Amino acid sequence: MNPADNSTEPQPRPSHPRFLYFTDDGTTPNSRLPVLLYHLPMKKEADNAGFFETLFARNRWTPLWRAGIFDYQHYHSNAHEALGVAQGNARVILGGPSGLTLGIGRGDVLVLPAGTGHCCLESSEDFLVVGAYPQGQEAYDIQRPASSNHGPSKARIARVAMPDGDPVTGRAGMLNSAWSAASAPEAR
């Protein structure tokens, strides 16, 4: 299924995203911007990884890899990240070691603002994710939560540009309104 083609094949419509908020725990910076969790109904036998790659690219998020999610706590201090689950399922923890444990599966998309801790706790053998980053943020870093790198990471996170649009719904997507509202001075 290709979201860029003009076929009459119906495209999966995303659910209204859930907003998940995480605070700085002293080692994992997290973000005042919410994590967005979408769900797109997808068929098991479809080329879901190809679908996510095309969808993300169309919405100006560069798909860079197909793999699982690291099984250790980490975050990115210089880039936002979109994770589209193409197949399988997993239990992940978001927000650092004391964060929220969440089940994710085929069709789920996590949109993580820079600084958001994440880690895969367990996954099915067929678990496959497409990772994408806003254009201009493709050289993402990998930071492990630690008090020694916390201050420098927070400084880098503060300089990360807002993306041009939502990786799932495009320029007029929920990310734009949710993240703009959260970054407004009165929301701080």
N, C-alpha and C. Protein backbone atom coordinates (compact mmCIF):
# COMPACT_ATOMS: atom_id res chain seq x y z
N MET A 1 0.86 -1.17 0.00
CA MET A 1 0.00 0.00 0.00
C MET A 1 0.90 1.23 0.00
N ASN A 2 0.70 2.12 -0.92
CA ASN A 2 1.54 3.29 -1.08
C ASN A 2 0.71 4.55 -0.91
N PRO A 3 0.96 5.37 0.12
CA PRO A 3 0.13 6.55 0.34
C PRO A 3 0.32 7.61 -0.72
N ALA A 4 1.36 7.50 -1.54
CA ALA A 4 1.61 8.51 -2.56
C ALA A 4 0.92 8.18 -3.88
N ASP A 5 0.40 6.95 -4.03
CA ASP A 5 -0.20 6.62 -5.31
C ASP A 5 -1.64 7.13 -5.38
N ASN A 6 -2.21 7.08 -6.58
CA ASN A 6 -3.56 7.59 -6.79
C ASN A 6 -4.58 6.48 -6.94
N SER A 7 -4.29 5.30 -6.40
CA SER A 7 -5.21 4.18 -6.53
C SER A 7 -6.47 4.42 -5.71
N THR A 8 -7.45 3.59 -5.97
CA THR A 8 -8.69 3.69 -5.22
C THR A 8 -8.64 2.86 -3.94
N GLU A 9 -7.49 2.22 -3.69
CA GLU A 9 -7.30 1.46 -2.45
C GLU A 9 -7.44 2.41 -1.26
N PRO A 10 -8.35 2.13 -0.31
CA PRO A 10 -8.49 3.03 0.83
C PRO A 10 -7.20 3.06 1.67
N GLN A 11 -6.82 4.25 2.08
CA GLN A 11 -5.63 4.42 2.92
C GLN A 11 -6.04 4.30 4.38
N PRO A 12 -5.18 3.73 5.21
CA PRO A 12 -5.52 3.65 6.64
C PRO A 12 -5.61 5.05 7.23
N ARG A 13 -6.63 5.27 8.01
CA ARG A 13 -6.81 6.56 8.66
C ARG A 13 -6.31 6.44 10.09
N PRO A 14 -5.45 7.37 10.50
CA PRO A 14 -4.92 7.28 11.86
C PRO A 14 -5.99 7.62 12.89
N SER A 15 -5.85 7.02 14.04
CA SER A 15 -6.69 7.39 15.18
C SER A 15 -6.27 8.79 15.63
N HIS A 16 -7.12 9.43 16.40
CA HIS A 16 -6.71 10.67 17.06
C HIS A 16 -5.60 10.26 18.03
N PRO A 17 -4.47 10.95 18.03
CA PRO A 17 -3.36 10.47 18.87
C PRO A 17 -3.63 10.66 20.36
N ARG A 18 -3.03 9.77 21.13
CA ARG A 18 -2.96 9.96 22.58
C ARG A 18 -1.78 10.87 22.84
N PHE A 19 -1.90 11.74 23.82
CA PHE A 19 -0.79 12.61 24.23
C PHE A 19 -0.25 12.06 25.55
N LEU A 20 1.04 11.82 25.57
CA LEU A 20 1.71 11.29 26.76
C LEU A 20 2.76 12.29 27.21
N TYR A 21 2.74 12.66 28.49
CA TYR A 21 3.65 13.68 29.01
C TYR A 21 4.62 13.06 30.01
N PHE A 22 5.87 13.49 29.92
CA PHE A 22 6.91 13.00 30.81
C PHE A 22 7.75 14.17 31.30
N THR A 23 8.14 14.11 32.57
CA THR A 23 8.94 15.19 33.13
C THR A 23 10.39 14.74 33.27
N ASP A 24 11.25 15.71 33.42
CA ASP A 24 12.67 15.49 33.63
C ASP A 24 12.84 14.74 34.96
N ASP A 25 13.58 13.63 34.92
CA ASP A 25 13.79 12.86 36.16
C ASP A 25 15.19 13.04 36.73
N GLY A 26 15.95 13.99 36.20
CA GLY A 26 17.30 14.24 36.68
C GLY A 26 18.38 13.55 35.86
N THR A 27 18.00 12.50 35.14
CA THR A 27 18.95 11.84 34.24
C THR A 27 18.40 11.74 32.81
N THR A 28 17.08 11.57 32.68
CA THR A 28 16.41 11.58 31.38
C THR A 28 15.70 12.92 31.25
N PRO A 29 16.13 13.76 30.30
CA PRO A 29 15.53 15.10 30.21
C PRO A 29 14.04 15.09 29.87
N ASN A 30 13.62 14.18 28.99
CA ASN A 30 12.26 14.17 28.47
C ASN A 30 11.95 15.53 27.84
N SER A 31 10.70 15.95 27.79
CA SER A 31 10.33 17.17 27.09
C SER A 31 9.02 17.70 27.63
N ARG A 32 8.83 19.00 27.52
CA ARG A 32 7.52 19.56 27.86
C ARG A 32 6.53 19.29 26.72
N LEU A 33 7.06 18.90 25.53
CA LEU A 33 6.22 18.54 24.40
C LEU A 33 5.70 17.12 24.60
N PRO A 34 4.45 16.84 24.27
CA PRO A 34 3.93 15.49 24.48
C PRO A 34 4.42 14.51 23.41
N VAL A 35 4.56 13.26 23.83
CA VAL A 35 4.71 12.15 22.88
C VAL A 35 3.34 11.96 22.25
N LEU A 36 3.30 11.73 20.94
CA LEU A 36 2.05 11.42 20.27
C LEU A 36 2.05 9.93 19.95
N LEU A 37 0.96 9.25 20.24
CA LEU A 37 0.80 7.84 19.92
C LEU A 37 -0.41 7.69 19.01
N TYR A 38 -0.14 7.37 17.75
CA TYR A 38 -1.18 7.13 16.76
C TYR A 38 -1.38 5.63 16.57
N HIS A 39 -2.54 5.28 16.04
CA HIS A 39 -2.73 3.90 15.57
C HIS A 39 -3.36 3.96 14.18
N LEU A 40 -2.75 3.25 13.24
CA LEU A 40 -3.29 3.10 11.89
C LEU A 40 -3.66 1.64 11.70
N PRO A 41 -4.89 1.33 11.29
CA PRO A 41 -5.24 -0.07 11.05
C PRO A 41 -4.47 -0.57 9.84
N MET A 42 -3.72 -1.66 10.01
CA MET A 42 -2.89 -2.19 8.93
C MET A 42 -3.06 -3.69 8.83
N LYS A 43 -2.94 -4.19 7.61
CA LYS A 43 -3.05 -5.62 7.38
C LYS A 43 -1.72 -6.30 7.66
N LYS A 44 -1.80 -7.51 8.18
CA LYS A 44 -0.59 -8.26 8.52
C LYS A 44 0.25 -8.56 7.28
N GLU A 45 -0.38 -8.87 6.17
CA GLU A 45 0.36 -9.31 4.99
C GLU A 45 0.83 -8.16 4.10
N ALA A 46 0.50 -6.93 4.42
CA ALA A 46 0.87 -5.78 3.60
C ALA A 46 2.34 -5.40 3.82
N ASP A 47 2.88 -4.60 2.89
CA ASP A 47 4.24 -4.05 3.05
C ASP A 47 4.14 -2.81 3.94
N ASN A 48 3.94 -3.05 5.21
CA ASN A 48 3.74 -1.95 6.14
C ASN A 48 5.01 -1.11 6.33
N ALA A 49 6.18 -1.73 6.27
CA ALA A 49 7.42 -0.95 6.39
C ALA A 49 7.54 0.02 5.21
N GLY A 50 7.26 -0.47 4.02
CA GLY A 50 7.28 0.40 2.84
C GLY A 50 6.25 1.51 2.95
N PHE A 51 5.07 1.17 3.48
CA PHE A 51 4.03 2.17 3.69
C PHE A 51 4.54 3.28 4.60
N PHE A 52 5.13 2.90 5.77
CA PHE A 52 5.62 3.92 6.70
C PHE A 52 6.74 4.76 6.08
N GLU A 53 7.63 4.11 5.35
CA GLU A 53 8.71 4.87 4.71
C GLU A 53 8.15 5.94 3.76
N THR A 54 7.16 5.56 2.96
CA THR A 54 6.56 6.50 2.02
C THR A 54 5.78 7.59 2.75
N LEU A 55 5.01 7.20 3.75
CA LEU A 55 4.22 8.16 4.53
C LEU A 55 5.13 9.18 5.20
N PHE A 56 6.15 8.70 5.90
CA PHE A 56 7.05 9.62 6.60
C PHE A 56 7.75 10.54 5.61
N ALA A 57 8.27 9.99 4.53
CA ALA A 57 8.98 10.81 3.54
C ALA A 57 8.06 11.88 2.95
N ARG A 58 6.82 11.51 2.65
CA ARG A 58 5.86 12.47 2.10
C ARG A 58 5.64 13.63 3.07
N ASN A 59 5.72 13.35 4.37
CA ASN A 59 5.47 14.37 5.38
C ASN A 59 6.76 15.01 5.91
N ARG A 60 7.85 14.87 5.14
CA ARG A 60 9.13 15.53 5.41
C ARG A 60 9.84 15.01 6.66
N TRP A 61 9.67 13.71 6.94
CA TRP A 61 10.43 13.01 7.96
C TRP A 61 11.20 11.92 7.21
N THR A 62 12.50 11.92 7.34
CA THR A 62 13.34 11.00 6.58
C THR A 62 13.39 9.63 7.24
N PRO A 63 12.89 8.57 6.57
CA PRO A 63 13.00 7.22 7.14
C PRO A 63 14.45 6.74 6.97
N LEU A 64 15.08 6.36 8.08
CA LEU A 64 16.50 6.00 8.03
C LEU A 64 16.79 4.53 8.33
N TRP A 65 15.88 3.84 8.98
CA TRP A 65 16.20 2.45 9.32
C TRP A 65 14.93 1.62 9.51
N ARG A 66 15.15 0.30 9.38
CA ARG A 66 14.16 -0.73 9.73
C ARG A 66 14.85 -1.65 10.72
N ALA A 67 14.30 -1.79 11.89
CA ALA A 67 14.90 -2.65 12.93
C ALA A 67 13.93 -2.70 14.11
N GLY A 68 14.44 -3.07 15.27
CA GLY A 68 13.67 -3.01 16.51
C GLY A 68 13.99 -1.72 17.23
N ILE A 69 13.68 -1.68 18.52
CA ILE A 69 14.01 -0.54 19.38
C ILE A 69 15.05 -1.04 20.37
N PHE A 70 16.09 -0.23 20.62
CA PHE A 70 17.15 -0.66 21.54
C PHE A 70 16.57 -1.12 22.87
N ASP A 71 17.22 -2.13 23.45
CA ASP A 71 16.75 -2.69 24.72
C ASP A 71 17.45 -2.05 25.92
N TYR A 72 17.92 -0.83 25.75
CA TYR A 72 18.49 -0.07 26.86
C TYR A 72 17.91 1.35 26.82
N GLN A 73 17.88 1.98 27.98
CA GLN A 73 17.35 3.34 28.08
C GLN A 73 18.21 4.29 27.25
N HIS A 74 17.57 5.10 26.42
CA HIS A 74 18.28 6.09 25.63
C HIS A 74 17.31 7.18 25.19
N TYR A 75 17.89 8.26 24.69
CA TYR A 75 17.11 9.35 24.11
C TYR A 75 17.99 10.05 23.07
N HIS A 76 17.38 10.94 22.31
CA HIS A 76 18.11 11.70 21.30
C HIS A 76 18.06 13.17 21.70
N SER A 77 19.22 13.80 21.83
CA SER A 77 19.25 15.19 22.29
C SER A 77 19.29 16.19 21.14
N ASN A 78 19.40 15.71 19.91
CA ASN A 78 19.49 16.64 18.78
C ASN A 78 18.46 16.35 17.68
N ALA A 79 17.46 15.54 17.98
CA ALA A 79 16.46 15.20 16.96
C ALA A 79 15.19 14.66 17.59
N HIS A 80 14.08 14.95 16.92
CA HIS A 80 12.82 14.29 17.23
C HIS A 80 12.82 12.96 16.47
N GLU A 81 11.96 12.02 16.87
CA GLU A 81 11.96 10.70 16.23
C GLU A 81 10.54 10.19 16.06
N ALA A 82 10.28 9.55 14.92
CA ALA A 82 9.01 8.85 14.68
C ALA A 82 9.33 7.37 14.56
N LEU A 83 8.57 6.53 15.25
CA LEU A 83 8.74 5.09 15.22
C LEU A 83 7.43 4.46 14.75
N GLY A 84 7.43 3.90 13.54
CA GLY A 84 6.25 3.26 12.98
C GLY A 84 6.38 1.75 13.08
N VAL A 85 5.48 1.10 13.80
CA VAL A 85 5.55 -0.35 13.98
C VAL A 85 4.93 -1.02 12.76
N ALA A 86 5.78 -1.67 11.95
CA ALA A 86 5.35 -2.31 10.71
C ALA A 86 4.79 -3.70 10.96
N GLN A 87 5.36 -4.41 11.92
CA GLN A 87 4.84 -5.75 12.26
C GLN A 87 5.27 -6.13 13.67
N GLY A 88 4.57 -7.10 14.21
CA GLY A 88 4.87 -7.60 15.54
C GLY A 88 4.36 -6.68 16.63
N ASN A 89 4.84 -6.95 17.84
CA ASN A 89 4.44 -6.16 19.00
C ASN A 89 5.55 -6.14 20.02
N ALA A 90 5.45 -5.20 20.96
CA ALA A 90 6.49 -5.05 21.99
C ALA A 90 5.92 -4.35 23.20
N ARG A 91 6.66 -4.48 24.28
CA ARG A 91 6.41 -3.67 25.47
C ARG A 91 7.60 -2.72 25.57
N VAL A 92 7.30 -1.43 25.64
CA VAL A 92 8.34 -0.42 25.73
C VAL A 92 8.11 0.41 26.98
N ILE A 93 9.15 1.08 27.42
CA ILE A 93 9.01 2.04 28.50
C ILE A 93 9.42 3.40 27.95
N LEU A 94 8.57 4.38 28.17
CA LEU A 94 8.81 5.75 27.71
C LEU A 94 9.01 6.64 28.92
N GLY A 95 9.88 7.64 28.79
CA GLY A 95 10.05 8.63 29.85
C GLY A 95 11.16 8.32 30.83
N GLY A 96 11.97 7.31 30.57
CA GLY A 96 13.06 6.95 31.48
C GLY A 96 12.73 5.72 32.28
N PRO A 97 13.66 5.28 33.14
CA PRO A 97 13.49 4.02 33.88
C PRO A 97 12.22 3.95 34.74
N SER A 98 11.74 5.09 35.21
CA SER A 98 10.51 5.11 36.03
C SER A 98 9.32 5.60 35.24
N GLY A 99 9.39 5.54 33.92
CA GLY A 99 8.34 6.07 33.05
C GLY A 99 7.15 5.15 32.91
N LEU A 100 6.50 5.24 31.77
CA LEU A 100 5.27 4.50 31.47
C LEU A 100 5.59 3.29 30.61
N THR A 101 5.16 2.11 31.06
CA THR A 101 5.29 0.89 30.26
C THR A 101 4.05 0.78 29.39
N LEU A 102 4.29 0.51 28.11
CA LEU A 102 3.23 0.58 27.12
C LEU A 102 3.37 -0.56 26.13
N GLY A 103 2.25 -1.18 25.75
CA GLY A 103 2.26 -2.17 24.69
C GLY A 103 2.04 -1.48 23.36
N ILE A 104 2.86 -1.82 22.36
CA ILE A 104 2.69 -1.27 21.02
C ILE A 104 2.67 -2.43 20.02
N GLY A 105 2.02 -2.21 18.90
CA GLY A 105 1.93 -3.26 17.89
C GLY A 105 1.74 -2.68 16.50
N ARG A 106 1.60 -3.59 15.54
CA ARG A 106 1.47 -3.22 14.13
C ARG A 106 0.49 -2.06 13.95
N GLY A 107 0.95 -1.01 13.26
CA GLY A 107 0.12 0.15 12.99
C GLY A 107 0.29 1.29 13.97
N ASP A 108 0.98 1.06 15.08
CA ASP A 108 1.21 2.14 16.04
C ASP A 108 2.37 3.01 15.58
N VAL A 109 2.26 4.30 15.84
CA VAL A 109 3.34 5.25 15.56
C VAL A 109 3.56 6.08 16.81
N LEU A 110 4.79 6.07 17.29
CA LEU A 110 5.20 6.94 18.39
C LEU A 110 5.96 8.11 17.80
N VAL A 111 5.58 9.32 18.17
CA VAL A 111 6.31 10.52 17.77
C VAL A 111 6.93 11.07 19.05
N LEU A 112 8.26 10.95 19.13
CA LEU A 112 8.99 11.29 20.35
C LEU A 112 9.69 12.63 20.19
N PRO A 113 9.36 13.61 21.04
CA PRO A 113 10.13 14.85 21.00
C PRO A 113 11.56 14.60 21.52
N ALA A 114 12.50 15.39 21.05
CA ALA A 114 13.89 15.25 21.49
C ALA A 114 13.95 15.19 23.01
N GLY A 115 14.77 14.29 23.52
CA GLY A 115 14.96 14.14 24.96
C GLY A 115 14.11 13.07 25.61
N THR A 116 13.13 12.52 24.89
CA THR A 116 12.22 11.53 25.47
C THR A 116 12.90 10.18 25.59
N GLY A 117 13.00 9.68 26.80
CA GLY A 117 13.59 8.37 27.04
C GLY A 117 12.71 7.27 26.48
N HIS A 118 13.38 6.23 25.94
CA HIS A 118 12.64 5.07 25.44
C HIS A 118 13.54 3.84 25.46
N CYS A 119 12.89 2.68 25.61
CA CYS A 119 13.59 1.42 25.74
C CYS A 119 12.61 0.29 25.46
N CYS A 120 13.05 -0.73 24.72
CA CYS A 120 12.22 -1.91 24.49
C CYS A 120 12.48 -2.91 25.60
N LEU A 121 11.42 -3.34 26.27
CA LEU A 121 11.54 -4.32 27.34
C LEU A 121 11.46 -5.75 26.82
N GLU A 122 10.56 -5.97 25.86
CA GLU A 122 10.43 -7.27 25.22
C GLU A 122 9.66 -7.09 23.92
N SER A 123 9.90 -8.02 22.97
CA SER A 123 9.22 -7.91 21.68
C SER A 123 9.03 -9.28 21.07
N SER A 124 8.07 -9.35 20.16
CA SER A 124 7.86 -10.57 19.39
C SER A 124 9.02 -10.74 18.41
N GLU A 125 9.22 -11.97 17.95
CA GLU A 125 10.33 -12.24 17.02
C GLU A 125 10.20 -11.46 15.72
N ASP A 126 8.98 -11.16 15.30
CA ASP A 126 8.78 -10.45 14.04
C ASP A 126 8.66 -8.93 14.19
N PHE A 127 8.98 -8.40 15.37
CA PHE A 127 8.86 -6.97 15.64
C PHE A 127 9.74 -6.18 14.67
N LEU A 128 9.14 -5.24 13.94
CA LEU A 128 9.86 -4.42 12.97
C LEU A 128 9.33 -3.00 13.03
N VAL A 129 10.26 -2.07 13.16
CA VAL A 129 9.93 -0.65 13.27
C VAL A 129 10.65 0.11 12.17
N VAL A 130 10.00 1.15 11.65
CA VAL A 130 10.64 2.10 10.76
C VAL A 130 10.91 3.36 11.57
N GLY A 131 12.17 3.78 11.62
CA GLY A 131 12.56 4.99 12.33
C GLY A 131 12.77 6.14 11.37
N ALA A 132 12.21 7.31 11.71
CA ALA A 132 12.32 8.49 10.85
C ALA A 132 12.56 9.73 11.69
N TYR A 133 13.17 10.74 11.04
CA TYR A 133 13.57 11.98 11.71
C TYR A 133 13.21 13.15 10.81
N PRO A 134 12.84 14.30 11.39
CA PRO A 134 12.50 15.44 10.55
C PRO A 134 13.67 15.79 9.63
N GLN A 135 13.34 16.26 8.44
CA GLN A 135 14.41 16.66 7.52
C GLN A 135 15.30 17.68 8.21
N GLY A 136 16.62 17.46 8.08
CA GLY A 136 17.60 18.31 8.75
C GLY A 136 18.05 17.76 10.09
N GLN A 137 17.38 16.70 10.60
CA GLN A 137 17.74 16.11 11.89
C GLN A 137 18.17 14.65 11.74
N GLU A 138 18.64 14.28 10.55
CA GLU A 138 18.98 12.89 10.27
C GLU A 138 20.22 12.40 11.02
N ALA A 139 21.08 13.29 11.47
CA ALA A 139 22.30 12.89 12.19
C ALA A 139 22.01 12.85 13.69
N TYR A 140 21.04 12.02 14.05
CA TYR A 140 20.62 11.93 15.45
C TYR A 140 21.72 11.30 16.31
N ASP A 141 21.73 11.70 17.57
CA ASP A 141 22.67 11.10 18.51
C ASP A 141 21.94 10.08 19.38
N ILE A 142 22.69 9.32 20.14
CA ILE A 142 22.11 8.37 21.11
C ILE A 142 22.74 8.69 22.45
N GLN A 143 21.92 9.11 23.39
CA GLN A 143 22.37 9.46 24.74
C GLN A 143 21.79 8.47 25.74
N ARG A 144 22.60 8.07 26.69
CA ARG A 144 22.14 7.23 27.80
C ARG A 144 21.84 8.15 28.99
N PRO A 145 20.75 7.90 29.72
CA PRO A 145 20.45 8.74 30.88
C PRO A 145 21.59 8.70 31.90
N ALA A 146 22.06 9.88 32.29
CA ALA A 146 23.12 10.01 33.30
C ALA A 146 23.16 11.45 33.76
N SER A 147 23.44 11.65 35.03
CA SER A 147 23.53 13.02 35.53
C SER A 147 24.70 13.76 34.89
N SER A 148 25.76 13.06 34.49
CA SER A 148 26.94 13.71 33.90
C SER A 148 26.67 14.36 32.55
N ASN A 149 25.74 13.83 31.75
CA ASN A 149 25.46 14.43 30.44
C ASN A 149 24.12 15.16 30.40
N HIS A 150 23.45 15.23 31.53
CA HIS A 150 22.11 15.81 31.59
C HIS A 150 22.09 17.28 31.18
N GLY A 151 22.93 18.10 31.75
CA GLY A 151 22.96 19.54 31.44
C GLY A 151 23.28 19.81 29.97
N PRO A 152 24.37 19.23 29.43
CA PRO A 152 24.66 19.45 28.01
C PRO A 152 23.54 18.94 27.09
N SER A 153 22.92 17.82 27.45
CA SER A 153 21.81 17.30 26.64
C SER A 153 20.64 18.27 26.64
N LYS A 154 20.30 18.82 27.79
CA LYS A 154 19.18 19.77 27.86
C LYS A 154 19.46 20.99 27.00
N ALA A 155 20.71 21.45 26.96
CA ALA A 155 21.06 22.60 26.12
C ALA A 155 20.87 22.27 24.64
N ARG A 156 21.27 21.06 24.23
CA ARG A 156 21.08 20.66 22.82
C ARG A 156 19.59 20.51 22.50
N ILE A 157 18.83 19.92 23.41
CA ILE A 157 17.39 19.72 23.19
C ILE A 157 16.69 21.06 22.97
N ALA A 158 17.07 22.07 23.74
CA ALA A 158 16.45 23.39 23.62
C ALA A 158 16.67 24.01 22.24
N ARG A 159 17.70 23.56 21.52
CA ARG A 159 17.99 24.12 20.19
C ARG A 159 17.38 23.30 19.05
N VAL A 160 16.73 22.18 19.34
CA VAL A 160 16.17 21.35 18.28
C VAL A 160 14.96 22.06 17.66
N ALA A 161 15.00 22.21 16.35
CA ALA A 161 13.94 22.92 15.63
C ALA A 161 12.64 22.11 15.61
N MET A 162 11.53 22.83 15.59
CA MET A 162 10.24 22.18 15.42
C MET A 162 10.18 21.62 14.00
N PRO A 163 9.61 20.44 13.81
CA PRO A 163 9.48 19.89 12.45
C PRO A 163 8.47 20.68 11.62
N ASP A 164 8.58 20.53 10.30
CA ASP A 164 7.65 21.20 9.40
C ASP A 164 6.23 20.68 9.53
N GLY A 165 6.08 19.45 9.98
CA GLY A 165 4.75 18.88 10.09
C GLY A 165 4.78 17.56 10.84
N ASP A 166 3.64 16.99 10.96
CA ASP A 166 3.42 15.73 11.64
C ASP A 166 3.83 14.59 10.72
N PRO A 167 4.57 13.58 11.20
CA PRO A 167 5.00 12.50 10.32
C PRO A 167 3.86 11.63 9.81
N VAL A 168 2.72 11.65 10.49
CA VAL A 168 1.59 10.82 10.10
C VAL A 168 0.58 11.60 9.27
N THR A 169 0.27 12.82 9.67
CA THR A 169 -0.81 13.56 9.03
C THR A 169 -0.36 14.79 8.25
N GLY A 170 0.91 15.13 8.27
CA GLY A 170 1.42 16.23 7.46
C GLY A 170 1.40 17.57 8.15
N ARG A 171 1.44 18.62 7.35
CA ARG A 171 1.60 19.99 7.86
C ARG A 171 0.49 20.43 8.80
N ALA A 172 -0.71 20.00 8.58
CA ALA A 172 -1.83 20.44 9.41
C ALA A 172 -2.14 19.43 10.51
N GLY A 173 -1.18 18.59 10.84
CA GLY A 173 -1.43 17.51 11.79
C GLY A 173 -1.47 17.94 13.24
N MET A 174 -1.75 16.97 14.08
CA MET A 174 -1.88 17.20 15.51
C MET A 174 -0.57 17.65 16.14
N LEU A 175 0.56 17.19 15.64
CA LEU A 175 1.84 17.57 16.20
C LEU A 175 1.97 19.09 16.21
N ASN A 176 1.62 19.73 15.12
CA ASN A 176 1.77 21.18 15.02
C ASN A 176 1.00 21.90 16.12
N SER A 177 -0.26 21.55 16.32
CA SER A 177 -1.05 22.25 17.34
C SER A 177 -0.63 21.84 18.74
N ALA A 178 -0.39 20.56 18.98
CA ALA A 178 -0.02 20.10 20.33
C ALA A 178 1.35 20.61 20.74
N TRP A 179 2.32 20.54 19.84
CA TRP A 179 3.67 20.97 20.19
C TRP A 179 3.78 22.49 20.23
N SER A 180 3.06 23.19 19.37
CA SER A 180 3.10 24.66 19.41
C SER A 180 2.49 25.16 20.71
N ALA A 181 1.38 24.56 21.14
CA ALA A 181 0.74 24.97 22.38
C ALA A 181 1.64 24.68 23.58
N ALA A 182 2.32 23.53 23.57
CA ALA A 182 3.18 23.17 24.69
C ALA A 182 4.44 24.02 24.76
N SER A 183 4.88 24.55 23.63
CA SER A 183 6.10 25.35 23.63
C SER A 183 5.83 26.84 23.81
N ALA A 184 4.55 27.24 23.86
CA ALA A 184 4.21 28.64 24.08
C ALA A 184 4.68 29.06 25.47
N PRO A 185 5.07 30.32 25.65
CA PRO A 185 5.60 30.77 26.93
C PRO A 185 4.70 30.49 28.13
N GLU A 186 3.38 30.61 27.96
CA GLU A 186 2.49 30.37 29.10
C GLU A 186 2.40 28.89 29.47
N ALA A 187 2.83 27.99 28.59
CA ALA A 187 2.77 26.55 28.88
C ALA A 187 4.00 26.08 29.64
N ARG A 188 4.99 26.91 29.78
CA ARG A 188 6.24 26.50 30.43
C ARG A 188 6.15 26.47 31.91
